[in-house]
Amino acid sequence: MAQVKVDRCHDLGFDCDAVVRSESEEELMAQVSDHAQKVHDVTVTDEIANQVRTAIRVED
């Protein structure tokens, strides 16, 4: 069974219950970037991307 990578918007400092899951870090980052832009009007810079990567957790 593949490991699923998870990022929670709340863990990144937002008052938001969004949770993004993907088996691929690349897809996870794309989904997080899309969510950040559409919901929070935030463009994911390299600095923010590094923060997002640090917050990634793995579910079995």
C-alpha atoms as a PDB file:
ATOM      1  CA  MET A   1       0.000   0.000   0.000  1.00  0.00           C
ATOM      2  CA  ALA A   2       1.365   3.422  -0.971  1.00  0.00           C
ATOM      3  CA  GLN A   3       2.036   6.074   1.591  1.00  0.00           C
ATOM      4  CA  VAL A   4      -0.217   9.098   1.314  1.00  0.00           C
ATOM      5  CA  LYS A   5       1.256  12.541   1.893  1.00  0.00           C
ATOM      6  CA  VAL A   6      -0.998  14.943   3.792  1.00  0.00           C
ATOM      7  CA  ASP A   7      -0.927  18.677   4.355  1.00  0.00           C
ATOM      8  CA  ARG A   8      -3.411  20.483   6.578  1.00  0.00           C
ATOM      9  CA  CYS A   9      -4.019  24.158   5.938  1.00  0.00           C
ATOM     10  CA  HIS A  10      -4.427  24.758   9.665  1.00  0.00           C
ATOM     11  CA  ASP A  11      -0.853  23.465  10.250  1.00  0.00           C
ATOM     12  CA  LEU A  12       0.383  26.262   7.984  1.00  0.00           C
ATOM     13  CA  GLY A  13      -1.211  28.958  10.137  1.00  0.00           C
ATOM     14  CA  PHE A  14      -4.544  29.438   8.400  1.00  0.00           C
ATOM     15  CA  ASP A  15      -7.941  29.277  10.092  1.00  0.00           C
ATOM     16  CA  CYS A  16      -8.993  26.681   7.533  1.00  0.00           C
ATOM     17  CA  ASP A  17     -10.018  23.029   7.767  1.00  0.00           C
ATOM     18  CA  ALA A  18      -8.792  22.065   4.282  1.00  0.00           C
ATOM     19  CA  VAL A  19      -6.763  18.849   4.052  1.00  0.00           C
ATOM     20  CA  VAL A  20      -4.853  17.890   0.908  1.00  0.00           C
ATOM     21  CA  ARG A  21      -3.811  14.274   0.272  1.00  0.00           C
ATOM     22  CA  SER A  22      -1.770  12.710  -2.504  1.00  0.00           C
ATOM     23  CA  GLU A  23       0.611   9.818  -3.074  1.00  0.00           C
ATOM     24  CA  SER A  24       2.863  12.218  -5.013  1.00  0.00           C
ATOM     25  CA  GLU A  25       4.584  15.226  -3.435  1.00  0.00           C
ATOM     26  CA  GLU A  26       4.437  16.977  -6.814  1.00  0.00           C
ATOM     27  CA  GLU A  27       0.638  16.542  -7.009  1.00  0.00           C
ATOM     28  CA  LEU A  28       0.247  17.531  -3.356  1.00  0.00           C
ATOM     29  CA  MET A  29       2.186  20.750  -3.963  1.00  0.00           C
ATOM     30  CA  ALA A  30       0.050  21.527  -7.026  1.00  0.00           C
ATOM     31  CA  GLN A  31      -3.156  21.023  -5.023  1.00  0.00           C
ATOM     32  CA  VAL A  32      -1.862  23.125  -2.110  1.00  0.00           C
ATOM     33  CA  SER A  33      -0.828  25.902  -4.496  1.00  0.00           C
ATOM     34  CA  ASP A  34      -4.236  25.862  -6.173  1.00  0.00           C
ATOM     35  CA  HIS A  35      -6.030  25.949  -2.800  1.00  0.00           C
ATOM     36  CA  ALA A  36      -3.807  28.764  -1.498  1.00  0.00           C
ATOM     37  CA  GLN A  37      -4.484  30.899  -4.566  1.00  0.00           C
ATOM     38  CA  LYS A  38      -8.236  30.285  -4.832  1.00  0.00           C
ATOM     39  CA  VAL A  39      -9.196  30.294  -1.159  1.00  0.00           C
ATOM     40  CA  HIS A  40      -6.578  32.480   0.545  1.00  0.00           C
ATOM     41  CA  ASP A  41      -5.426  34.675  -2.386  1.00  0.00           C
ATOM     42  CA  VAL A  42      -1.852  33.591  -1.638  1.00  0.00           C
ATOM     43  CA  THR A  43       0.713  32.792  -4.316  1.00  0.00           C
ATOM     44  CA  VAL A  44       3.028  29.994  -3.220  1.00  0.00           C
ATOM     45  CA  THR A  45       6.580  31.331  -3.390  1.00  0.00           C
ATOM     46  CA  ASP A  46       9.703  29.198  -2.923  1.00  0.00           C
ATOM     47  CA  GLU A  47       9.742  30.169   0.767  1.00  0.00           C
ATOM     48  CA  ILE A  48       6.110  29.143   1.254  1.00  0.00           C
ATOM     49  CA  ALA A  49       6.705  25.920  -0.707  1.00  0.00           C
ATOM     50  CA  ASN A  50       9.501  25.044   1.719  1.00  0.00           C
ATOM     51  CA  GLN A  51       7.133  25.651   4.656  1.00  0.00           C
ATOM     52  CA  VAL A  52       4.521  23.438   3.001  1.00  0.00           C
ATOM     53  CA  ARG A  53       7.065  20.644   2.460  1.00  0.00           C
ATOM     54  CA  THR A  54       8.076  20.861   6.120  1.00  0.00           C
ATOM     55  CA  ALA A  55       4.431  20.451   7.175  1.00  0.00           C
ATOM     56  CA  ILE A  56       3.828  17.321   5.049  1.00  0.00           C
ATOM     57  CA  ARG A  57       2.898  14.255   7.083  1.00  0.00           C
ATOM     58  CA  VAL A  58       2.636  10.667   5.860  1.00  0.00           C
ATOM     59  CA  GLU A  59      -0.365   8.377   6.356  1.00  0.00           C
ATOM     60  CA  ASP A  60      -0.162   4.641   5.737  1.00  0.00           C
END
